Amino acid sequence: MFADKVLSPNQLSHWSTEELKQELLKLTESRNTEPIKQKVLFYKNALAPIFEELSRRNPYPRAEDQVSLVLGVWSPVWSTIPYQDLLPGRIREQSYQIFHGNGYYANMARYAPGQKIPFLQKLSSILLAYDLMVIQKYEVRDGQWNIQNIGIEQSFRVGAIPLSIEKAENWFTEVVNSQAKKLSKTIATLEAPSLENLDRSTAKKLKTAFLMIPEFEHLYIDRDFRLVKTQREAKQRPSYTIAVRLQ
């Protein structure tokens, strides 16, 4: 319905919050693989009014009240964040955002080794999969979310064994526990990580994104649904993400 005719704010105001959330999920269900440019236009033309209406209804507008809600495992079901698809072949069903109560946050995804994936230099077997995890530090300070990229982890795994929520959680926890001192020091002396498994062009783009300190805002958040606005720097366009709770 929205894809054919964008409703006015007055019309949207008559929809229930749950109806608006479900409509967003329906509209974006099969569109997360589209090119970023197309997704940005789709946001402007179809999704923005719904985002704005839900933002007006945000039950937890204070960042301080959002911390306990965000803890857990989420699926980014639709996003205009460019770096998420710098590497082709991402398996959406095995992509996670994980917030732990110790101030660490991870974005991770599995990438399938299809025939058109030149970015991996060491992927010699079609049975292997490539898992990538970006580790971040988060806190709320002065009413604002502060997000800092602090590490990138890579791993080759047997592709036939999915990157389940349990495996993703265990990987994240093991890395944070084993590298706690290193990660805490990285915040003060941030350097781009070594990405020897990627080709030079892809590694350079990912390193550039890694060194950015994005602004991070929940336009809407409840226990099971989030609308997130991020912006790497003032001159760049904002990015938007729809996330649903998995655990």
C-alpha atoms as a PDB file:
ATOM      1  CA  MET A   1       0.000   0.000   0.000  1.00  0.00           C
ATOM      2  CA  PHE A   2       2.709   2.470   0.992  1.00  0.00           C
ATOM      3  CA  ALA A   3       4.836   1.422  -1.985  1.00  0.00           C
ATOM      4  CA  ASP A   4       2.074   2.607  -4.339  1.00  0.00           C
ATOM      5  CA  LYS A   5       0.849   5.626  -2.410  1.00  0.00           C
ATOM      6  CA  VAL A   6       2.608   7.392   0.433  1.00  0.00           C
ATOM      7  CA  LEU A   7       0.173   8.247   3.174  1.00  0.00           C
ATOM      8  CA  SER A   8       0.145  11.654   4.835  1.00  0.00           C
ATOM      9  CA  PRO A   9       1.166  12.122   8.460  1.00  0.00           C
ATOM     10  CA  ASN A  10      -2.497  12.654   9.313  1.00  0.00           C
ATOM     11  CA  GLN A  11      -3.448   9.338   7.723  1.00  0.00           C
ATOM     12  CA  LEU A  12      -0.570   7.525   9.403  1.00  0.00           C
ATOM     13  CA  SER A  13      -1.614   8.858  12.775  1.00  0.00           C
ATOM     14  CA  HIS A  14      -4.682   6.627  12.614  1.00  0.00           C
ATOM     15  CA  TRP A  15      -2.603   3.464  12.322  1.00  0.00           C
ATOM     16  CA  SER A  16      -1.682   1.590  15.477  1.00  0.00           C
ATOM     17  CA  THR A  17       1.991   1.361  16.398  1.00  0.00           C
ATOM     18  CA  GLU A  18       1.959  -2.385  15.766  1.00  0.00           C
ATOM     19  CA  GLU A  19       0.399  -1.880  12.330  1.00  0.00           C
ATOM     20  CA  LEU A  20       3.105   0.629  11.405  1.00  0.00           C
ATOM     21  CA  LYS A  21       5.869  -1.739  12.551  1.00  0.00           C
ATOM     22  CA  GLN A  22       4.414  -4.660  10.618  1.00  0.00           C
ATOM     23  CA  GLU A  23       3.974  -2.527   7.509  1.00  0.00           C
ATOM     24  CA  LEU A  24       7.653  -1.548   7.616  1.00  0.00           C
ATOM     25  CA  LEU A  25       8.643  -5.195   7.888  1.00  0.00           C
ATOM     26  CA  LYS A  26       6.352  -6.143   5.014  1.00  0.00           C
ATOM     27  CA  LEU A  27       7.581  -3.368   2.751  1.00  0.00           C
ATOM     28  CA  THR A  28      11.260  -4.196   3.316  1.00  0.00           C
ATOM     29  CA  GLU A  29      10.942  -7.985   3.480  1.00  0.00           C
ATOM     30  CA  SER A  30      12.600  -8.724   0.115  1.00  0.00           C
ATOM     31  CA  ARG A  31      14.478  -5.459  -0.451  1.00  0.00           C
ATOM     32  CA  ASN A  32      17.576  -5.697   1.734  1.00  0.00           C
ATOM     33  CA  THR A  33      19.680  -7.029  -1.148  1.00  0.00           C
ATOM     34  CA  GLU A  34      19.034  -3.991  -3.345  1.00  0.00           C
ATOM     35  CA  PRO A  35      21.872  -1.542  -4.126  1.00  0.00           C
ATOM     36  CA  ILE A  36      22.369   1.200  -1.546  1.00  0.00           C
ATOM     37  CA  LYS A  37      21.315   3.960  -3.947  1.00  0.00           C
ATOM     38  CA  GLN A  38      18.024   2.202  -4.601  1.00  0.00           C
ATOM     39  CA  LYS A  39      17.467   1.583  -0.885  1.00  0.00           C
ATOM     40  CA  VAL A  40      18.086   5.250  -0.068  1.00  0.00           C
ATOM     41  CA  LEU A  41      15.482   6.304  -2.652  1.00  0.00           C
ATOM     42  CA  PHE A  42      13.053   3.716  -1.301  1.00  0.00           C
ATOM     43  CA  TYR A  43      13.524   5.142   2.187  1.00  0.00           C
ATOM     44  CA  LYS A  44      12.838   8.689   1.002  1.00  0.00           C
ATOM     45  CA  ASN A  45       9.846   7.754  -1.150  1.00  0.00           C
ATOM     46  CA  ALA A  46       8.115   5.128   0.972  1.00  0.00           C
ATOM     47  CA  LEU A  47       9.576   4.552   4.413  1.00  0.00           C
ATOM     48  CA  ALA A  48      10.435   8.009   5.782  1.00  0.00           C
ATOM     49  CA  PRO A  49       6.854   8.964   6.775  1.00  0.00           C
ATOM     50  CA  ILE A  50       6.475   5.720   8.748  1.00  0.00           C
ATOM     51  CA  PHE A  51       9.842   6.230  10.457  1.00  0.00           C
ATOM     52  CA  GLU A  52       8.782   9.763  11.373  1.00  0.00           C
ATOM     53  CA  GLU A  53       5.433   8.634  12.780  1.00  0.00           C
ATOM     54  CA  LEU A  54       7.030   5.883  14.858  1.00  0.00           C
ATOM     55  CA  SER A  55       9.688   8.332  16.044  1.00  0.00           C
ATOM     56  CA  ARG A  56       6.918  10.577  17.379  1.00  0.00           C
ATOM     57  CA  ARG A  57       5.602   7.570  19.310  1.00  0.00           C
ATOM     58  CA  ASN A  58       8.956   6.396  20.675  1.00  0.00           C
ATOM     59  CA  PRO A  59       8.075   5.014  24.133  1.00  0.00           C
ATOM     60  CA  TYR A  60      11.669   5.416  25.335  1.00  0.00           C
ATOM     61  CA  PRO A  61      13.022   8.701  23.927  1.00  0.00           C
ATOM     62  CA  ARG A  62      15.732   9.056  26.606  1.00  0.00           C
ATOM     63  CA  ALA A  63      18.962   7.279  25.685  1.00  0.00           C
ATOM     64  CA  GLU A  64      19.496   6.345  29.327  1.00  0.00           C
ATOM     65  CA  ASP A  65      16.254   4.343  29.302  1.00  0.00           C
ATOM     66  CA  GLN A  66      17.205   2.489  26.112  1.00  0.00           C
ATOM     67  CA  VAL A  67      20.281   0.663  27.404  1.00  0.00           C
ATOM     68  CA  SER A  68      18.446  -2.145  29.189  1.00  0.00           C
ATOM     69  CA  LEU A  69      16.120  -2.588  26.207  1.00  0.00           C
ATOM     70  CA  VAL A  70      18.889  -2.985  23.649  1.00  0.00           C
ATOM     71  CA  LEU A  71      20.697  -5.843  25.415  1.00  0.00           C
ATOM     72  CA  GLY A  72      20.484  -9.120  23.517  1.00  0.00           C
ATOM     73  CA  VAL A  73      20.625 -10.367  19.936  1.00  0.00           C
ATOM     74  CA  TRP A  74      19.027  -8.509  17.036  1.00  0.00           C
ATOM     75  CA  SER A  75      18.650  -9.056  13.311  1.00  0.00           C
ATOM     76  CA  PRO A  76      19.223  -6.021  11.043  1.00  0.00           C
ATOM     77  CA  VAL A  77      16.444  -6.889   8.611  1.00  0.00           C
ATOM     78  CA  TRP A  78      16.895  -3.786   6.433  1.00  0.00           C
ATOM     79  CA  SER A  79      19.565  -1.099   6.392  1.00  0.00           C
ATOM     80  CA  THR A  80      21.107   1.658   4.305  1.00  0.00           C
ATOM     81  CA  ILE A  81      24.470   1.442   6.108  1.00  0.00           C
ATOM     82  CA  PRO A  82      26.981   1.165   3.219  1.00  0.00           C
ATOM     83  CA  TYR A  83      29.675  -0.956   4.902  1.00  0.00           C
ATOM     84  CA  GLN A  84      27.275  -3.822   5.627  1.00  0.00           C
ATOM     85  CA  ASP A  85      27.425  -4.850   1.990  1.00  0.00           C
ATOM     86  CA  LEU A  86      31.002  -3.907   1.145  1.00  0.00           C
ATOM     87  CA  LEU A  87      31.584  -7.643   0.967  1.00  0.00           C
ATOM     88  CA  PRO A  88      29.254  -9.546  -1.348  1.00  0.00           C
ATOM     89  CA  GLY A  89      27.517 -12.754  -0.385  1.00  0.00           C
ATOM     90  CA  ARG A  90      26.259 -11.776   3.069  1.00  0.00           C
ATOM     91  CA  ILE A  91      23.752 -14.277   4.468  1.00  0.00           C
ATOM     92  CA  ARG A  92      21.031 -12.139   6.028  1.00  0.00           C
ATOM     93  CA  GLU A  93      19.705 -14.972   8.185  1.00  0.00           C
ATOM     94  CA  GLN A  94      23.150 -15.289   9.772  1.00  0.00           C
ATOM     95  CA  SER A  95      23.732 -11.578  10.414  1.00  0.00           C
ATOM     96  CA  TYR A  96      23.505 -10.309  13.987  1.00  0.00           C
ATOM     97  CA  GLN A  97      23.777  -7.261  16.209  1.00  0.00           C
ATOM     98  CA  ILE A  98      24.649  -8.293  19.771  1.00  0.00           C
ATOM     99  CA  PHE A  99      24.673  -5.974  22.772  1.00  0.00           C
ATOM    100  CA  HIS A 100      26.190  -7.216  26.028  1.00  0.00           C
ATOM    101  CA  GLY A 101      25.791  -5.562  29.403  1.00  0.00           C
ATOM    102  CA  ASN A 102      29.547  -4.964  29.742  1.00  0.00           C
ATOM    103  CA  GLY A 103      29.522  -2.121  27.218  1.00  0.00           C
ATOM    104  CA  TYR A 104      30.552  -4.163  24.180  1.00  0.00           C
ATOM    105  CA  TYR A 105      28.522  -4.472  21.007  1.00  0.00           C
ATOM    106  CA  ALA A 106      29.127  -6.579  17.883  1.00  0.00           C
ATOM    107  CA  ASN A 107      27.980  -6.519  14.284  1.00  0.00           C
ATOM    108  CA  MET A 108      28.686  -9.850  12.640  1.00  0.00           C
ATOM    109  CA  ALA A 109      27.750 -11.726   9.512  1.00  0.00           C
ATOM    110  CA  ARG A 110      28.549 -14.823   7.528  1.00  0.00           C
ATOM    111  CA  TYR A 111      29.512 -14.545   3.871  1.00  0.00           C
ATOM    112  CA  ALA A 112      28.916 -17.372   1.422  1.00  0.00           C
ATOM    113  CA  PRO A 113      31.747 -18.311  -0.967  1.00  0.00           C
ATOM    114  CA  GLY A 114      29.820 -18.081  -4.266  1.00  0.00           C
ATOM    115  CA  GLN A 115      31.534 -17.964  -7.621  1.00  0.00           C
ATOM    116  CA  LYS A 116      31.542 -14.156  -7.809  1.00  0.00           C
ATOM    117  CA  ILE A 117      33.313 -13.314  -4.563  1.00  0.00           C
ATOM    118  CA  PRO A 118      36.810 -12.076  -5.469  1.00  0.00           C
ATOM    119  CA  PHE A 119      37.383 -10.272  -2.167  1.00  0.00           C
ATOM    120  CA  LEU A 120      38.594 -13.360  -0.312  1.00  0.00           C
ATOM    121  CA  GLN A 121      42.187 -14.243  -1.111  1.00  0.00           C
ATOM    122  CA  LYS A 122      42.386 -17.446   0.923  1.00  0.00           C
ATOM    123  CA  LEU A 123      39.044 -19.053   0.158  1.00  0.00           C
ATOM    124  CA  SER A 124      40.213 -22.157  -1.683  1.00  0.00           C
ATOM    125  CA  SER A 125      37.280 -24.480  -1.008  1.00  0.00           C
ATOM    126  CA  ILE A 126      33.606 -23.975  -1.747  1.00  0.00           C
ATOM    127  CA  LEU A 127      32.957 -25.729   1.561  1.00  0.00           C
ATOM    128  CA  LEU A 128      34.337 -22.786   3.541  1.00  0.00           C
ATOM    129  CA  ALA A 129      32.480 -19.718   4.786  1.00  0.00           C
ATOM    130  CA  TYR A 130      33.877 -16.388   5.952  1.00  0.00           C
ATOM    131  CA  ASP A 131      32.648 -14.823   9.209  1.00  0.00           C
ATOM    132  CA  LEU A 132      33.336 -11.156   9.949  1.00  0.00           C
ATOM    133  CA  MET A 133      32.736  -9.422  13.289  1.00  0.00           C
ATOM    134  CA  VAL A 134      33.124  -5.709  14.035  1.00  0.00           C
ATOM    135  CA  ILE A 135      33.471  -5.137  17.789  1.00  0.00           C
ATOM    136  CA  GLN A 136      32.316  -1.826  19.223  1.00  0.00           C
ATOM    137  CA  LYS A 137      32.250  -0.121  22.582  1.00  0.00           C
ATOM    138  CA  TYR A 138      29.069   1.693  23.575  1.00  0.00           C
ATOM    139  CA  GLU A 139      27.930   3.965  26.361  1.00  0.00           C
ATOM    140  CA  VAL A 140      25.343   6.643  27.012  1.00  0.00           C
ATOM    141  CA  ARG A 141      26.846   9.963  28.051  1.00  0.00           C
ATOM    142  CA  ASP A 142      25.087  13.324  28.427  1.00  0.00           C
ATOM    143  CA  GLY A 143      21.906  11.890  26.963  1.00  0.00           C
ATOM    144  CA  GLN A 144      23.611  10.616  23.813  1.00  0.00           C
ATOM    145  CA  TRP A 145      24.708   7.206  22.574  1.00  0.00           C
ATOM    146  CA  ASN A 146      28.461   6.971  21.992  1.00  0.00           C
ATOM    147  CA  ILE A 147      29.657   4.184  19.682  1.00  0.00           C
ATOM    148  CA  GLN A 148      33.319   3.437  18.963  1.00  0.00           C
ATOM    149  CA  ASN A 149      34.629   0.736  16.631  1.00  0.00           C
ATOM    150  CA  ILE A 150      37.489  -1.021  18.430  1.00  0.00           C
ATOM    151  CA  GLY A 151      38.210  -4.293  16.644  1.00  0.00           C
ATOM    152  CA  ILE A 152      37.585  -6.559  13.685  1.00  0.00           C
ATOM    153  CA  GLU A 153      37.727 -10.356  13.829  1.00  0.00           C
ATOM    154  CA  GLN A 154      37.720 -12.755  10.885  1.00  0.00           C
ATOM    155  CA  SER A 155      37.296 -16.508  10.725  1.00  0.00           C
ATOM    156  CA  PHE A 156      37.041 -19.227   8.086  1.00  0.00           C
ATOM    157  CA  ARG A 157      34.569 -21.949   8.994  1.00  0.00           C
ATOM    158  CA  VAL A 158      32.840 -24.977   7.517  1.00  0.00           C
ATOM    159  CA  GLY A 159      30.010 -23.539   5.475  1.00  0.00           C
ATOM    160  CA  ALA A 160      27.677 -26.457   6.131  1.00  0.00           C
ATOM    161  CA  ILE A 161      27.520 -25.512   9.831  1.00  0.00           C
ATOM    162  CA  PRO A 162      25.452 -22.300  10.173  1.00  0.00           C
ATOM    163  CA  LEU A 163      26.546 -19.333  12.244  1.00  0.00           C
ATOM    164  CA  SER A 164      23.789 -19.800  14.801  1.00  0.00           C
ATOM    165  CA  ILE A 165      22.886 -17.316  17.518  1.00  0.00           C
ATOM    166  CA  GLU A 166      24.625 -19.524  20.061  1.00  0.00           C
ATOM    167  CA  LYS A 167      27.817 -19.729  18.005  1.00  0.00           C
ATOM    168  CA  ALA A 168      27.735 -15.976  17.361  1.00  0.00           C
ATOM    169  CA  GLU A 169      27.293 -15.249  21.070  1.00  0.00           C
ATOM    170  CA  ASN A 170      30.104 -17.612  22.032  1.00  0.00           C
ATOM    171  CA  TRP A 171      32.491 -16.124  19.468  1.00  0.00           C
ATOM    172  CA  PHE A 172      31.766 -12.578  20.629  1.00  0.00           C
ATOM    173  CA  THR A 173      32.139 -13.493  24.313  1.00  0.00           C
ATOM    174  CA  GLU A 174      35.380 -15.426  23.773  1.00  0.00           C
ATOM    175  CA  VAL A 175      37.002 -12.573  21.848  1.00  0.00           C
ATOM    176  CA  VAL A 176      36.025  -9.918  24.400  1.00  0.00           C
ATOM    177  CA  ASN A 177      37.164 -12.061  27.331  1.00  0.00           C
ATOM    178  CA  SER A 178      40.485 -13.024  25.748  1.00  0.00           C
ATOM    179  CA  GLN A 179      41.294  -9.542  24.420  1.00  0.00           C
ATOM    180  CA  ALA A 180      39.858  -7.316  27.153  1.00  0.00           C
ATOM    181  CA  LYS A 181      43.117  -5.455  27.827  1.00  0.00           C
ATOM    182  CA  LYS A 182      43.868  -5.010  24.137  1.00  0.00           C
ATOM    183  CA  LEU A 183      40.364  -3.752  23.363  1.00  0.00           C
ATOM    184  CA  SER A 184      40.393  -1.237  26.231  1.00  0.00           C
ATOM    185  CA  LYS A 185      43.693   0.189  25.000  1.00  0.00           C
ATOM    186  CA  THR A 186      42.442   0.353  21.422  1.00  0.00           C
ATOM    187  CA  ILE A 187      39.896   3.016  22.318  1.00  0.00           C
ATOM    188  CA  ALA A 188      42.647   5.499  23.160  1.00  0.00           C
ATOM    189  CA  THR A 189      44.977   4.521  20.301  1.00  0.00           C
ATOM    190  CA  LEU A 190      42.629   3.434  17.553  1.00  0.00           C
ATOM    191  CA  GLU A 191      44.284   2.005  14.472  1.00  0.00           C
ATOM    192  CA  ALA A 192      42.823   0.342  11.407  1.00  0.00           C
ATOM    193  CA  PRO A 193      42.964  -3.448  11.784  1.00  0.00           C
ATOM    194  CA  SER A 194      44.923  -5.797   9.594  1.00  0.00           C
ATOM    195  CA  LEU A 195      42.632  -7.368   7.004  1.00  0.00           C
ATOM    196  CA  GLU A 196      45.023  -9.663   5.203  1.00  0.00           C
ATOM    197  CA  ASN A 197      42.249 -12.038   4.117  1.00  0.00           C
ATOM    198  CA  LEU A 198      40.598  -9.363   1.966  1.00  0.00           C
ATOM    199  CA  ASP A 199      41.686  -7.861  -1.319  1.00  0.00           C
ATOM    200  CA  ARG A 200      43.296  -4.427  -1.115  1.00  0.00           C
ATOM    201  CA  SER A 201      40.306  -2.405  -2.358  1.00  0.00           C
ATOM    202  CA  THR A 202      37.788  -4.029  -0.015  1.00  0.00           C
ATOM    203  CA  ALA A 203      40.173  -3.853   2.949  1.00  0.00           C
ATOM    204  CA  LYS A 204      40.746  -0.136   2.365  1.00  0.00           C
ATOM    205  CA  LYS A 205      36.999   0.627   2.295  1.00  0.00           C
ATOM    206  CA  LEU A 206      36.373  -1.387   5.451  1.00  0.00           C
ATOM    207  CA  LYS A 207      39.283   0.260   7.276  1.00  0.00           C
ATOM    208  CA  THR A 208      37.962   3.714   6.347  1.00  0.00           C
ATOM    209  CA  ALA A 209      34.519   2.853   7.713  1.00  0.00           C
ATOM    210  CA  PHE A 210      36.082   1.336  10.828  1.00  0.00           C
ATOM    211  CA  LEU A 211      37.935   4.525  11.767  1.00  0.00           C
ATOM    212  CA  MET A 212      34.788   6.652  11.649  1.00  0.00           C
ATOM    213  CA  ILE A 213      33.011   7.550  14.907  1.00  0.00           C
ATOM    214  CA  PRO A 214      29.312   7.483  14.004  1.00  0.00           C
ATOM    215  CA  GLU A 215      26.466   9.323  15.632  1.00  0.00           C
ATOM    216  CA  PHE A 216      23.917   6.786  16.847  1.00  0.00           C
ATOM    217  CA  GLU A 217      20.268   7.422  17.684  1.00  0.00           C
ATOM    218  CA  HIS A 218      17.226   5.262  18.326  1.00  0.00           C
ATOM    219  CA  LEU A 219      14.365   6.914  16.489  1.00  0.00           C
ATOM    220  CA  TYR A 220      12.145   4.212  17.968  1.00  0.00           C
ATOM    221  CA  ILE A 221      12.841   1.382  20.397  1.00  0.00           C
ATOM    222  CA  ASP A 222      10.811  -1.140  22.335  1.00  0.00           C
ATOM    223  CA  ARG A 223      11.685  -4.614  23.585  1.00  0.00           C
ATOM    224  CA  ASP A 224      11.389  -6.249  20.167  1.00  0.00           C
ATOM    225  CA  PHE A 225      11.800  -3.554  17.501  1.00  0.00           C
ATOM    226  CA  ARG A 226      14.286  -0.772  16.787  1.00  0.00           C
ATOM    227  CA  LEU A 227      14.665   2.004  14.230  1.00  0.00           C
ATOM    228  CA  VAL A 228      18.231   3.291  14.268  1.00  0.00           C
ATOM    229  CA  LYS A 229      19.705   6.380  12.642  1.00  0.00           C
ATOM    230  CA  THR A 230      23.482   6.549  12.227  1.00  0.00           C
ATOM    231  CA  GLN A 231      25.723   9.122  10.590  1.00  0.00           C
ATOM    232  CA  ARG A 232      29.463   8.740  10.175  1.00  0.00           C
ATOM    233  CA  GLU A 233      30.164  12.452   9.697  1.00  0.00           C
ATOM    234  CA  ALA A 234      28.140  15.637   9.262  1.00  0.00           C
ATOM    235  CA  LYS A 235      28.606  15.926   5.500  1.00  0.00           C
ATOM    236  CA  GLN A 236      27.428  12.380   4.820  1.00  0.00           C
ATOM    237  CA  ARG A 237      23.829  11.272   4.516  1.00  0.00           C
ATOM    238  CA  PRO A 238      22.300   9.497   7.521  1.00  0.00           C
ATOM    239  CA  SER A 239      21.784   5.743   7.389  1.00  0.00           C
ATOM    240  CA  TYR A 240      18.743   3.935   8.699  1.00  0.00           C
ATOM    241  CA  THR A 241      18.335   0.417  10.068  1.00  0.00           C
ATOM    242  CA  ILE A 242      15.323  -1.681  11.006  1.00  0.00           C
ATOM    243  CA  ALA A 243      16.202  -4.336  13.602  1.00  0.00           C
ATOM    244  CA  VAL A 244      14.082  -7.012  15.256  1.00  0.00           C
ATOM    245  CA  ARG A 245      14.915  -8.986  18.381  1.00  0.00           C
ATOM    246  CA  LEU A 246      16.005 -12.584  17.982  1.00  0.00           C
ATOM    247  CA  GLN A 247      16.894 -13.301  21.593  1.00  0.00           C
END
